[in-house]
C-alpha atoms as a PDB file:
ATOM      1  CA  MET A   1     -11.673  29.532  -5.094  1.00  0.00           C
ATOM      2  CA  VAL A   2      -8.566  28.325  -6.847  1.00  0.00           C
ATOM      3  CA  GLU A   3      -6.160  29.237  -3.787  1.00  0.00           C
ATOM      4  CA  ASP A   4      -8.602  26.665  -1.717  1.00  0.00           C
ATOM      5  CA  VAL A   5      -8.127  23.925  -4.101  1.00  0.00           C
ATOM      6  CA  GLU A   6      -4.352  24.312  -4.325  1.00  0.00           C
ATOM      7  CA  ASP A   7      -3.925  24.541  -0.468  1.00  0.00           C
ATOM      8  CA  LYS A   8      -6.076  21.575  -0.135  1.00  0.00           C
ATOM      9  CA  VAL A   9      -3.955  19.408  -2.477  1.00  0.00           C
ATOM     10  CA  ALA A  10      -0.850  20.872  -0.985  1.00  0.00           C
ATOM     11  CA  ALA A  11      -2.000  19.619   2.392  1.00  0.00           C
ATOM     12  CA  GLN A  12      -3.142  16.333   0.977  1.00  0.00           C
ATOM     13  CA  ALA A  13       0.391  15.811  -0.537  1.00  0.00           C
ATOM     14  CA  LYS A  14       1.895  16.040   2.685  1.00  0.00           C
ATOM     15  CA  SER A  15      -0.538  13.599   4.490  1.00  0.00           C
ATOM     16  CA  HIS A  16       1.076  10.232   5.423  1.00  0.00           C
ATOM     17  CA  TRP A  17      -0.574   7.026   4.515  1.00  0.00           C
ATOM     18  CA  PHE A  18      -0.164   3.380   5.562  1.00  0.00           C
ATOM     19  CA  ILE A  19      -1.941  -0.058   5.994  1.00  0.00           C
ATOM     20  CA  ASP A  20      -4.095   0.394   9.150  1.00  0.00           C
ATOM     21  CA  LEU A  21      -4.122  -3.022  10.561  1.00  0.00           C
ATOM     22  CA  ASP A  22      -6.622  -2.272  13.427  1.00  0.00           C
ATOM     23  CA  TRP A  23      -9.175  -1.315  10.388  1.00  0.00           C
ATOM     24  CA  TYR A  24      -9.244  -5.027   9.506  1.00  0.00           C
ATOM     25  CA  GLN A  25     -10.284  -5.965  13.153  1.00  0.00           C
ATOM     26  CA  GLN A  26     -12.792  -2.919  13.326  1.00  0.00           C
ATOM     27  CA  SER A  27     -14.064  -3.724   9.860  1.00  0.00           C
ATOM     28  CA  ASN A  28     -14.378  -7.681  10.465  1.00  0.00           C
ATOM     29  CA  ARG A  29     -11.799  -8.290   7.790  1.00  0.00           C
ATOM     30  CA  SER A  30      -8.742 -10.388   7.733  1.00  0.00           C
ATOM     31  CA  PHE A  31      -5.373  -9.018   6.865  1.00  0.00           C
ATOM     32  CA  LEU A  32      -3.739 -12.325   6.731  1.00  0.00           C
ATOM     33  CA  THR A  33      -6.182 -13.414   4.155  1.00  0.00           C
ATOM     34  CA  LEU A  34      -5.577 -10.404   2.108  1.00  0.00           C
ATOM     35  CA  ALA A  35      -2.036 -10.390   2.277  1.00  0.00           C
ATOM     36  CA  GLN A  36      -1.065 -14.093   2.093  1.00  0.00           C
ATOM     37  CA  HIS A  37      -1.652 -13.888  -1.636  1.00  0.00           C
ATOM     38  CA  CYS A  38       1.258 -11.492  -1.952  1.00  0.00           C
ATOM     39  CA  LEU A  39       3.618 -14.268  -0.412  1.00  0.00           C
ATOM     40  CA  CYS A  40       6.278 -15.827  -2.636  1.00  0.00           C
ATOM     41  CA  SER A  41       6.220 -19.752  -2.764  1.00  0.00           C
ATOM     42  CA  LYS A  42       9.059 -20.242  -0.377  1.00  0.00           C
ATOM     43  CA  CYS A  43       7.448 -17.920   2.237  1.00  0.00           C
ATOM     44  CA  LYS A  44       4.012 -19.620   1.707  1.00  0.00           C
ATOM     45  CA  GLU A  45       5.698 -22.846   2.298  1.00  0.00           C
ATOM     46  CA  ARG A  46       7.126 -21.644   5.311  1.00  0.00           C
ATOM     47  CA  LEU A  47       4.567 -19.517   6.793  1.00  0.00           C
ATOM     48  CA  ILE A  48       1.314 -20.788   5.994  1.00  0.00           C
ATOM     49  CA  LYS A  49       1.430 -23.823   8.020  1.00  0.00           C
ATOM     50  CA  GLY A  50       1.438 -22.028  11.657  1.00  0.00           C
ATOM     51  CA  GLU A  51       0.065 -19.146  13.154  1.00  0.00           C
ATOM     52  CA  ILE A  52       1.502 -15.655  12.090  1.00  0.00           C
ATOM     53  CA  SER A  53       0.961 -12.414  13.134  1.00  0.00           C
ATOM     54  CA  PRO A  54       0.374  -9.445  10.609  1.00  0.00           C
ATOM     55  CA  GLU A  55       3.763  -7.787  11.576  1.00  0.00           C
ATOM     56  CA  ASP A  56       5.476 -11.139  10.927  1.00  0.00           C
ATOM     57  CA  LEU A  57       3.762 -11.283   7.548  1.00  0.00           C
ATOM     58  CA  VAL A  58       4.602  -7.722   6.700  1.00  0.00           C
ATOM     59  CA  SER A  59       8.177  -8.492   7.670  1.00  0.00           C
ATOM     60  CA  ALA A  60       8.476 -11.438   5.311  1.00  0.00           C
ATOM     61  CA  ILE A  61       6.876  -9.693   2.450  1.00  0.00           C
ATOM     62  CA  LYS A  62       9.417  -6.959   2.833  1.00  0.00           C
ATOM     63  CA  ASP A  63      12.595  -9.005   3.451  1.00  0.00           C
ATOM     64  CA  CYS A  64      11.982 -11.434   0.955  1.00  0.00           C
ATOM     65  CA  CYS A  65       8.519 -11.734  -1.398  1.00  0.00           C
ATOM     66  CA  SER A  66       8.840  -7.936  -2.503  1.00  0.00           C
ATOM     67  CA  GLN A  67      12.329  -8.565  -3.763  1.00  0.00           C
ATOM     68  CA  THR A  68      11.027 -11.203  -6.438  1.00  0.00           C
ATOM     69  CA  GLU A  69      10.881  -9.786 -10.021  1.00  0.00           C
ATOM     70  CA  GLY A  70       6.996  -8.561 -10.780  1.00  0.00           C
ATOM     71  CA  PHE A  71       6.118  -8.144  -7.101  1.00  0.00           C
ATOM     72  CA  ILE A  72       4.832  -4.706  -8.268  1.00  0.00           C
ATOM     73  CA  SER A  73       4.001  -4.318 -11.830  1.00  0.00           C
ATOM     74  CA  GLY A  74       2.298  -2.141 -14.195  1.00  0.00           C
ATOM     75  CA  GLY A  75      -0.191  -5.072 -14.811  1.00  0.00           C
ATOM     76  CA  LEU A  76      -1.578  -4.919 -11.433  1.00  0.00           C
ATOM     77  CA  PRO A  77      -4.691  -2.619 -10.502  1.00  0.00           C
ATOM     78  CA  VAL A  78      -3.589   0.156  -8.905  1.00  0.00           C
ATOM     79  CA  MET A  79      -4.904  -0.199  -5.527  1.00  0.00           C
ATOM     80  CA  GLU A  80      -3.217  -3.645  -5.242  1.00  0.00           C
ATOM     81  CA  GLY A  81       0.213  -2.101  -6.519  1.00  0.00           C
ATOM     82  CA  ILE A  82      -0.306   0.559  -3.639  1.00  0.00           C
ATOM     83  CA  PHE A  83      -1.145  -2.124  -1.136  1.00  0.00           C
ATOM     84  CA  ARG A  84       1.997  -4.300  -2.331  1.00  0.00           C
ATOM     85  CA  LEU A  85       4.012  -0.901  -2.253  1.00  0.00           C
ATOM     86  CA  PHE A  86       3.127  -0.466   1.401  1.00  0.00           C
ATOM     87  CA  LEU A  87       4.007  -4.180   2.113  1.00  0.00           C
ATOM     88  CA  ALA A  88       7.376  -3.895   0.455  1.00  0.00           C
ATOM     89  CA  ASN A  89       8.143  -0.675   2.469  1.00  0.00           C
ATOM     90  CA  GLY A  90       7.372  -2.565   5.687  1.00  0.00           C
ATOM     91  CA  ASN A  91       4.210  -0.635   5.968  1.00  0.00           C
ATOM     92  CA  GLN A  92       6.118   2.649   6.876  1.00  0.00           C
ATOM     93  CA  PRO A  93       4.002   5.685   6.243  1.00  0.00           C
ATOM     94  CA  LEU A  94       4.477   7.368   2.821  1.00  0.00           C
ATOM     95  CA  ASP A  95       3.148  10.950   1.793  1.00  0.00           C
ATOM     96  CA  LEU A  96       1.511  11.046  -1.637  1.00  0.00           C
ATOM     97  CA  GLU A  97       4.645  12.357  -3.275  1.00  0.00           C
ATOM     98  CA  GLU A  98       6.812   9.635  -2.199  1.00  0.00           C
ATOM     99  CA  LEU A  99       3.907   7.198  -3.082  1.00  0.00           C
ATOM    100  CA  GLY A 100       3.620   8.580  -6.408  1.00  0.00           C
ATOM    101  CA  GLU A 101       7.225   8.558  -7.135  1.00  0.00           C
ATOM    102  CA  LYS A 102       7.796   4.776  -5.942  1.00  0.00           C
ATOM    103  CA  LEU A 103       4.798   3.794  -7.821  1.00  0.00           C
ATOM    104  CA  ARG A 104       5.854   5.290 -11.359  1.00  0.00           C
ATOM    105  CA  LYS A 105       9.554   3.635 -10.601  1.00  0.00           C
ATOM    106  CA  LEU A 106       7.874   0.238  -9.945  1.00  0.00           C
ATOM    107  CA  ARG A 107       4.812   0.266 -12.172  1.00  0.00           C
ATOM    108  CA  GLY A 108       6.499   2.284 -15.328  1.00  0.00           C
ATOM    109  CA  GLU A 109       6.341   5.792 -16.338  1.00  0.00           C
ATOM    110  CA  GLY A 110       2.610   6.589 -17.759  1.00  0.00           C
ATOM    111  CA  VAL A 111       1.255   3.434 -16.947  1.00  0.00           C
ATOM    112  CA  TYR A 112      -1.379   5.270 -14.180  1.00  0.00           C
ATOM    113  CA  PRO A 113      -1.547   8.919 -13.064  1.00  0.00           C
ATOM    114  CA  THR A 114       0.110   9.186  -9.955  1.00  0.00           C
ATOM    115  CA  SER A 115      -0.009  12.841  -8.822  1.00  0.00           C
ATOM    116  CA  PRO A 116      -1.034  13.629  -5.201  1.00  0.00           C
ATOM    117  CA  ALA A 117      -4.323  14.627  -6.090  1.00  0.00           C
ATOM    118  CA  VAL A 118      -4.967  11.343  -8.030  1.00  0.00           C
ATOM    119  CA  LEU A 119      -3.628   9.414  -5.388  1.00  0.00           C
ATOM    120  CA  SER A 120      -5.687  11.124  -2.627  1.00  0.00           C
ATOM    121  CA  ARG A 121      -8.968  10.528  -4.323  1.00  0.00           C
ATOM    122  CA  ILE A 122      -7.903   6.792  -4.687  1.00  0.00           C
ATOM    123  CA  LEU A 123      -6.793   6.213  -1.273  1.00  0.00           C
ATOM    124  CA  GLU A 124      -9.860   8.263   0.254  1.00  0.00           C
ATOM    125  CA  SER A 125     -12.081   5.784  -1.356  1.00  0.00           C
ATOM    126  CA  ASP A 126     -10.482   2.829  -0.267  1.00  0.00           C
ATOM    127  CA  CYS A 127     -12.735   0.276   1.618  1.00  0.00           C
ATOM    128  CA  TYR A 128     -10.804  -2.962   1.150  1.00  0.00           C
ATOM    129  CA  TYR A 129      -7.182  -2.483   1.593  1.00  0.00           C
ATOM    130  CA  GLY A 130      -7.393  -0.708   5.008  1.00  0.00           C
ATOM    131  CA  LEU A 131      -5.268   2.220   3.550  1.00  0.00           C
ATOM    132  CA  ARG A 132      -5.694   5.271   5.920  1.00  0.00           C
ATOM    133  CA  PRO A 133      -3.978   8.295   6.843  1.00  0.00           C
ATOM    134  CA  VAL A 134      -1.839   8.720  10.008  1.00  0.00           C
ATOM    135  CA  GLN A 135      -3.774  10.600  12.596  1.00  0.00           C
ATOM    136  CA  GLU A 136      -1.583  13.310  13.640  1.00  0.00           C
END
């Protein structure tokens, strides 16, 4: 029984996660509306005026907005921090160990448990940010 749990945790740690942009459309939600609040004032002024694709929005956040101080901090709710981390990473898939390591660096040690088991439970319950495992 203990081995089954350990095997499951090990497998979960190796699963890769990302923001599934297709999920937003399938769920009748707007990625652009959710991600726009992550824009810095310079990008808000530049990008909000016209139409922007989700990919361009992710690129702007990665290249500019995520470089601002406090983009990800211990004061943010953990799911918002995870969402922003994926945006800052250009929405490149991360496994749970990588995700936990980056969160610890950005949010500060001891701010929130970031073990693969805890992150797996958090991500599996997401119904707002479109965080999904990569289907292999």
